[in-house]
Amino acid sequence: METKEKAFKGIRMSGFTALLILFLGICLSVYLLTFMHVWTTLLGIGCCCLLVAFITIGLTIIEPNEARVIVFFGKYKGTITDNGFFWINPFNERKKITLRARNLDVLPVKVNDKVGNPVMIGAVMVWKVKDTYKAMFDIDSSSISGIESGKKGSIWTVVESFDKLPKLMQNYENFVKTQSDAALRQIAGMYAYDSNESNDDSITLRSGDGEVARRLEEEINSRLAIAGIEVIEARINYLAYASEIAGVMLRRQQADAIISAREKIVEGAVSMVQLALDKLEKESIVTLDEDKKAAMVSNLLVVLCADEAAQPVLNTGTLHH
């Protein structure tokens, strides 16, 4: 989308230069006060007060990764991103906005995954303001708050503060939080919780962390583009079944784990039995017919696959008894 952000080209000077002008003005006012004429004295006092107010209200400090959006009687005049100590026309309204990267912890919410199971899912994201014009003027997510700190120093803010406290303040952070929550809900409904729930989709919320994070980041970016917000990173940081089905799903996972373990045990036992029969036959230790082989296989599988240790039984008779 096309940006309307532009650099501020209005009246601006170094704050130290403004302080020097203020000092010279005070000296001139003191000089005028040396005259004993009443009107000259009043003129000097008035000029001194006006100069002090005009200079001090216009002083602004901009720290690294901060900006000031300048508005002159409702008209956007530009954005100052340079760092330092400046003096700006105090009739300009200066809205403070930070360009630093910030974290947002999206609290876990209950949603249904692709197959309809209720899950609790939360995310964490890193974002920052990319377009100051869009962040300030293209969205309206208002909340009751005190006077915005970035507007301090504007003479119009001082007047409005006595008229309405607290006032409505634009807050794009609420917009970011709401849209991130909506994007997380949508992404959670596109995938199953794990592979046991969906056999036709290899990507799940549990296993496809990279793919899901990429889709989540793209979805949030598309929603926040209108606000001039850029998402640097977004990842799921909390994932669990909802409480009403957590116990059932836990037992199901335990059963799946037991079945998987049993498959491995049987596979290993069969290979060991095969190795034992081949070894006996190769080294001609004993000759076994098919019935004896079947009995030996049965006994070995019982010993190898049993949950508990087998109790040995010694055969003191012949091979056939």
Protein backbone atom coordinates (compact mmCIF):
# COMPACT_ATOMS: atom_id res chain seq x y z
CA MET A 1 0.00 0.00 0.00
CA GLU A 2 1.15 3.53 -0.79
CA THR A 3 2.45 5.48 2.16
CA LYS A 4 1.56 9.08 2.93
CA GLU A 5 4.36 9.53 5.44
CA LYS A 6 6.73 12.38 4.64
CA ALA A 7 9.56 14.25 6.33
CA PHE A 8 8.74 17.44 8.17
CA LYS A 9 9.86 20.52 6.19
CA GLY A 10 8.54 23.24 8.46
CA ILE A 11 10.27 25.59 10.86
CA ARG A 12 12.74 23.74 13.03
CA MET A 13 15.99 24.72 14.69
CA SER A 14 18.42 23.39 17.25
CA GLY A 15 17.15 23.56 20.79
CA PHE A 16 20.43 25.12 21.92
CA THR A 17 20.03 27.90 19.36
CA ALA A 18 16.54 28.52 20.72
CA LEU A 19 17.91 28.71 24.26
CA LEU A 20 20.51 31.23 23.10
CA ILE A 21 17.75 33.36 21.55
CA LEU A 22 15.82 33.06 24.81
CA PHE A 23 18.86 34.22 26.81
CA LEU A 24 19.39 37.22 24.53
CA GLY A 25 15.70 38.09 24.78
CA ILE A 26 15.82 38.00 28.57
CA CYS A 27 18.90 40.22 28.55
CA LEU A 28 17.09 42.69 26.29
CA SER A 29 14.07 42.65 28.58
CA VAL A 30 16.26 43.32 31.60
CA TYR A 31 17.84 46.23 29.73
CA LEU A 32 14.40 47.67 29.00
CA LEU A 33 13.51 47.32 32.67
CA THR A 34 16.33 49.73 33.55
CA PHE A 35 14.20 52.59 32.25
CA MET A 36 11.91 54.04 34.86
CA HIS A 37 9.01 54.64 32.51
CA VAL A 38 5.95 52.60 33.49
CA TRP A 39 4.94 51.66 29.98
CA THR A 40 8.47 50.62 29.09
CA THR A 41 8.65 48.42 32.18
CA LEU A 42 5.33 46.74 31.41
CA LEU A 43 6.37 46.24 27.80
CA GLY A 44 9.62 44.59 28.88
CA ILE A 45 7.89 42.26 31.33
CA GLY A 46 5.26 41.27 28.78
CA CYS A 47 7.78 40.60 26.02
CA CYS A 48 9.93 38.55 28.38
CA CYS A 49 7.02 36.36 29.48
CA LEU A 50 5.82 35.82 25.91
CA LEU A 51 9.32 34.95 24.71
CA VAL A 52 9.90 32.48 27.55
CA ALA A 53 6.58 30.77 26.90
CA PHE A 54 7.03 30.71 23.12
CA ILE A 55 10.54 29.25 23.30
CA THR A 56 10.12 26.74 26.13
CA ILE A 57 6.86 25.26 24.81
CA GLY A 58 8.48 24.59 21.46
CA LEU A 59 11.46 22.66 22.86
CA THR A 60 11.38 18.95 22.02
CA ILE A 61 13.75 16.06 22.72
CA ILE A 62 13.61 13.09 20.33
CA GLU A 63 15.39 9.94 21.50
CA PRO A 64 16.72 7.16 19.21
CA ASN A 65 14.00 5.10 17.52
CA GLU A 66 11.36 7.67 18.35
CA ALA A 67 9.50 10.10 16.09
CA ARG A 68 7.19 13.10 16.27
CA VAL A 69 4.18 13.39 13.99
CA ILE A 70 3.59 17.09 13.33
CA VAL A 71 0.03 18.38 12.86
CA PHE A 72 -0.69 22.06 12.20
CA PHE A 73 -4.32 22.99 12.86
CA GLY A 74 -5.53 19.55 11.79
CA LYS A 75 -3.25 19.24 8.75
CA TYR A 76 -0.49 16.64 8.64
CA LYS A 77 2.83 18.44 8.03
CA GLY A 78 5.28 15.55 8.27
CA THR A 79 7.22 13.29 10.63
CA ILE A 80 10.50 14.01 12.39
CA THR A 81 12.66 10.93 12.90
CA ASP A 82 15.98 12.71 13.56
CA ASN A 83 17.33 12.38 17.08
CA GLY A 84 18.36 15.32 19.19
CA PHE A 85 17.22 18.52 20.86
CA PHE A 86 15.03 20.74 18.66
CA TRP A 87 12.78 23.74 18.74
CA ILE A 88 9.58 23.48 16.70
CA ASN A 89 6.85 26.01 16.19
CA PRO A 90 4.70 25.58 19.34
CA PHE A 91 1.53 26.01 17.29
CA ASN A 92 2.30 22.60 15.80
CA GLU A 93 0.86 19.63 17.64
CA ARG A 94 3.60 17.04 18.24
CA LYS A 95 2.43 13.46 18.64
CA LYS A 96 4.99 11.11 20.09
CA ILE A 97 5.31 7.68 18.50
CA THR A 98 7.95 5.04 19.13
CA LEU A 99 9.65 3.10 16.33
CA ARG A 100 11.18 0.52 18.65
CA ALA A 101 10.43 -3.18 18.39
CA ARG A 102 7.94 -4.36 21.00
CA ASN A 103 6.65 -7.69 22.26
CA LEU A 104 3.01 -8.68 22.39
CA ASP A 105 1.96 -11.73 24.38
CA VAL A 106 -1.37 -12.94 23.02
CA LEU A 107 -3.01 -14.72 25.95
CA PRO A 108 -4.25 -18.28 25.34
CA VAL A 109 -7.73 -18.43 23.82
CA LYS A 110 -10.07 -21.37 23.33
CA VAL A 111 -10.67 -22.25 19.66
CA ASN A 112 -11.61 -25.33 17.65
CA ASP A 113 -8.89 -26.88 15.52
CA LYS A 114 -9.41 -28.24 12.01
CA VAL A 115 -11.22 -31.39 13.19
CA GLY A 116 -13.33 -29.58 15.79
CA ASN A 117 -11.43 -30.33 18.99
CA PRO A 118 -11.33 -27.41 21.47
CA VAL A 119 -7.76 -26.32 22.14
CA MET A 120 -6.09 -23.52 24.08
CA ILE A 121 -3.60 -21.61 21.97
CA GLY A 122 -1.47 -18.53 22.63
CA ALA A 123 1.23 -16.67 20.71
CA VAL A 124 4.01 -14.14 21.12
CA MET A 125 4.97 -11.64 18.45
CA VAL A 126 7.52 -8.89 17.84
CA TRP A 127 6.26 -5.83 16.01
CA LYS A 128 7.08 -2.19 15.33
CA VAL A 129 5.63 0.85 13.63
CA LYS A 130 6.72 1.16 10.01
CA ASP A 131 4.46 3.98 8.77
CA THR A 132 3.76 6.74 11.29
CA TYR A 133 1.00 8.32 9.18
CA LYS A 134 -1.07 5.12 9.01
CA ALA A 135 -0.47 4.34 12.69
CA MET A 136 -1.74 7.78 13.72
CA PHE A 137 -4.48 8.61 11.23
CA ASP A 138 -5.69 5.50 9.35
CA ILE A 139 -7.12 3.63 12.33
CA ASP A 140 -9.25 4.62 15.30
CA SER A 141 -8.91 2.40 18.34
CA SER A 142 -9.79 4.86 21.08
CA SER A 143 -9.76 4.32 24.82
CA ILE A 144 -10.20 6.54 27.84
CA SER A 145 -6.82 7.70 29.05
CA GLY A 146 -4.97 10.68 30.34
CA ILE A 147 -3.22 13.24 28.19
CA GLU A 148 -0.82 11.63 25.78
CA SER A 149 2.73 12.25 26.88
CA GLY A 150 3.87 12.97 23.34
CA LYS A 151 1.56 16.00 23.14
CA LYS A 152 3.10 17.77 26.10
CA GLY A 153 4.58 21.05 25.01
CA SER A 154 1.78 22.02 22.62
CA ILE A 155 -0.15 25.11 23.72
CA TRP A 156 -3.36 23.58 22.36
CA THR A 157 -2.90 20.52 24.56
CA VAL A 158 -2.50 22.72 27.62
CA VAL A 159 -5.79 24.44 26.81
CA GLU A 160 -7.61 21.16 26.10
CA SER A 161 -6.33 19.57 29.31
CA PHE A 162 -8.41 22.00 31.35
CA ASP A 163 -11.42 21.39 29.16
CA LYS A 164 -11.55 17.60 29.22
CA LEU A 165 -9.76 15.25 31.63
CA PRO A 166 -9.39 12.44 30.93
CA LYS A 167 -9.78 12.60 27.13
CA LEU A 168 -10.12 10.10 24.31
CA MET A 169 -6.69 9.09 23.04
CA GLN A 170 -5.89 7.17 19.90
CA ASN A 171 -4.15 3.93 20.77
CA TYR A 172 -2.98 1.73 17.89
CA GLU A 173 -1.73 -0.88 20.36
CA ASN A 174 -5.34 -1.94 20.95
CA PHE A 175 -5.73 -2.43 17.20
CA VAL A 176 -2.61 -4.62 17.11
CA LYS A 177 -3.83 -6.73 20.02
CA THR A 178 -7.31 -7.25 18.58
CA GLN A 179 -6.13 -8.17 15.09
CA SER A 180 -3.42 -10.50 16.41
CA ASP A 181 -6.02 -12.36 18.46
CA ALA A 182 -8.28 -12.70 15.41
CA ALA A 183 -5.40 -13.95 13.22
CA LEU A 184 -4.41 -16.54 15.84
CA ARG A 185 -7.97 -17.87 15.96
CA GLN A 186 -8.09 -18.19 12.19
CA ILE A 187 -4.75 -19.99 11.92
CA ALA A 188 -5.69 -22.40 14.72
CA GLY A 189 -8.77 -23.46 12.76
CA MET A 190 -6.69 -24.31 9.68
CA TYR A 191 -4.68 -27.15 11.27
CA ALA A 192 -5.33 -30.16 13.45
CA TYR A 193 -3.82 -30.33 16.92
CA ASP A 194 -1.64 -33.35 16.05
CA SER A 195 -1.28 -36.02 13.38
CA ASN A 196 -3.56 -38.44 15.23
CA GLU A 197 -6.52 -36.17 14.55
CA SER A 198 -6.02 -35.75 10.80
CA ASN A 199 -4.50 -38.38 8.58
CA ASP A 200 -4.70 -36.32 5.38
CA ASP A 201 -2.75 -33.31 6.68
CA SER A 202 0.89 -33.75 7.62
CA ILE A 203 1.22 -30.20 9.00
CA THR A 204 -0.23 -29.84 12.49
CA LEU A 205 -0.13 -27.27 15.25
CA ARG A 206 2.29 -29.44 17.23
CA SER A 207 4.62 -30.67 14.49
CA GLY A 208 4.53 -27.89 11.90
CA ASP A 209 5.94 -25.11 14.06
CA GLY A 210 7.89 -23.43 11.24
CA GLU A 211 5.08 -23.56 8.70
CA VAL A 212 2.42 -22.51 11.20
CA ALA A 213 4.59 -19.62 12.42
CA ARG A 214 5.10 -18.45 8.83
CA ARG A 215 1.39 -18.56 8.09
CA LEU A 216 0.62 -16.78 11.36
CA GLU A 217 3.14 -14.04 10.59
CA GLU A 218 1.72 -13.54 7.08
CA GLU A 219 -1.84 -13.40 8.38
CA ILE A 220 -1.03 -10.83 11.07
CA ASN A 221 0.99 -8.73 8.63
CA SER A 222 -1.89 -8.64 6.17
CA ARG A 223 -4.25 -7.47 8.90
CA LEU A 224 -1.91 -4.82 10.32
CA ALA A 225 -0.78 -3.36 6.99
CA ILE A 226 -3.59 -0.81 7.13
CA ALA A 227 -2.15 0.48 10.42
CA GLY A 228 1.43 0.75 9.19
CA ILE A 229 2.58 -2.01 11.54
CA GLU A 230 5.24 -4.56 10.61
CA VAL A 231 5.41 -7.94 12.33
CA ILE A 232 9.02 -9.10 12.68
CA GLU A 233 8.28 -12.50 14.21
CA ALA A 234 5.25 -14.44 15.42
CA ARG A 235 5.23 -17.86 17.07
CA ILE A 236 2.91 -20.06 19.09
CA ASN A 237 4.11 -20.17 22.69
CA TYR A 238 1.21 -22.08 24.30
CA LEU A 239 -0.71 -25.08 22.96
CA ALA A 240 -2.87 -27.54 24.88
CA TYR A 241 -6.21 -29.28 24.73
CA ALA A 242 -9.09 -27.52 26.46
CA SER A 243 -9.81 -28.70 29.99
CA GLU A 244 -13.02 -30.54 29.08
CA ILE A 245 -11.22 -33.00 26.79
CA ALA A 246 -7.69 -32.86 28.19
CA GLY A 247 -8.13 -36.02 30.31
CA VAL A 248 -9.55 -38.07 27.44
CA MET A 249 -6.87 -36.94 25.03
CA LEU A 250 -4.17 -37.70 27.61
CA ARG A 251 -5.37 -41.28 27.92
CA ARG A 252 -5.47 -41.52 24.14
CA GLN A 253 -1.90 -40.30 23.86
CA GLN A 254 -0.84 -42.78 26.53
CA ALA A 255 -2.54 -45.59 24.62
CA ASP A 256 -0.84 -44.55 21.40
CA ALA A 257 2.50 -44.49 23.21
CA ILE A 258 1.92 -47.98 24.64
CA ILE A 259 0.96 -49.37 21.22
CA SER A 260 4.02 -47.82 19.62
CA ALA A 261 6.25 -49.25 22.34
CA ARG A 262 4.68 -52.71 21.97
CA GLU A 263 5.30 -52.64 18.23
CA LYS A 264 8.96 -51.96 18.84
CA ILE A 265 9.18 -54.71 21.46
CA VAL A 266 7.54 -57.32 19.21
CA GLU A 267 9.71 -56.31 16.28
CA GLY A 268 12.84 -56.72 18.40
CA ALA A 269 11.64 -60.02 19.89
CA VAL A 270 10.96 -61.54 16.48
CA SER A 271 14.42 -60.57 15.23
CA MET A 272 16.01 -62.08 18.36
CA VAL A 273 14.09 -65.35 17.95
CA GLN A 274 15.08 -65.53 14.30
CA LEU A 275 18.71 -64.93 15.26
CA ALA A 276 18.55 -67.69 17.91
CA LEU A 277 17.09 -70.27 15.50
CA ASP A 278 19.59 -69.44 12.79
CA LYS A 279 22.46 -69.68 15.28
CA LEU A 280 21.33 -73.10 16.58
CA GLU A 281 20.89 -74.44 13.08
CA LYS A 282 24.15 -73.02 11.76
CA GLU A 283 26.33 -74.35 14.57
CA SER A 284 24.40 -77.67 14.79
CA ILE A 285 23.98 -77.35 18.53
CA VAL A 286 20.64 -79.19 18.52
CA THR A 287 18.28 -80.47 15.86
CA LEU A 288 14.71 -79.29 16.28
CA ASP A 289 11.64 -80.38 14.36
CA GLU A 290 8.85 -77.98 13.49
CA ASP A 291 6.89 -78.66 16.69
CA LYS A 292 9.93 -77.96 18.86
CA LYS A 293 10.72 -74.82 16.89
CA ALA A 294 7.15 -73.61 17.41
CA ALA A 295 7.38 -74.29 21.14
CA MET A 296 10.74 -72.54 21.36
CA VAL A 297 9.42 -69.51 19.45
CA SER A 298 6.40 -69.34 21.74
CA ASN A 299 8.52 -69.53 24.88
CA LEU A 300 11.01 -66.93 23.66
CA LEU A 301 8.26 -64.49 22.63
CA VAL A 302 6.60 -64.84 26.02
CA VAL A 303 9.89 -64.12 27.77
CA LEU A 304 10.88 -61.20 25.54
CA CYS A 305 7.46 -59.54 25.31
CA ALA A 306 6.34 -59.98 28.91
CA ASP A 307 5.94 -56.91 31.12
CA GLU A 308 7.46 -58.75 34.08
CA ALA A 309 10.51 -60.96 34.39
CA ALA A 310 9.83 -64.58 33.41
CA GLN A 311 10.28 -67.36 35.98
CA PRO A 312 12.69 -70.01 34.62
CA VAL A 313 11.55 -73.65 34.58
CA LEU A 314 14.22 -76.38 34.37
CA ASN A 315 13.41 -79.46 32.34
CA THR A 316 15.06 -82.49 34.04
CA GLY A 317 13.59 -85.03 31.65
CA THR A 318 14.38 -85.79 28.04
CA LEU A 319 14.00 -83.40 25.19
CA HIS A 320 10.57 -84.83 24.36
CA HIS A 321 9.17 -84.74 27.93
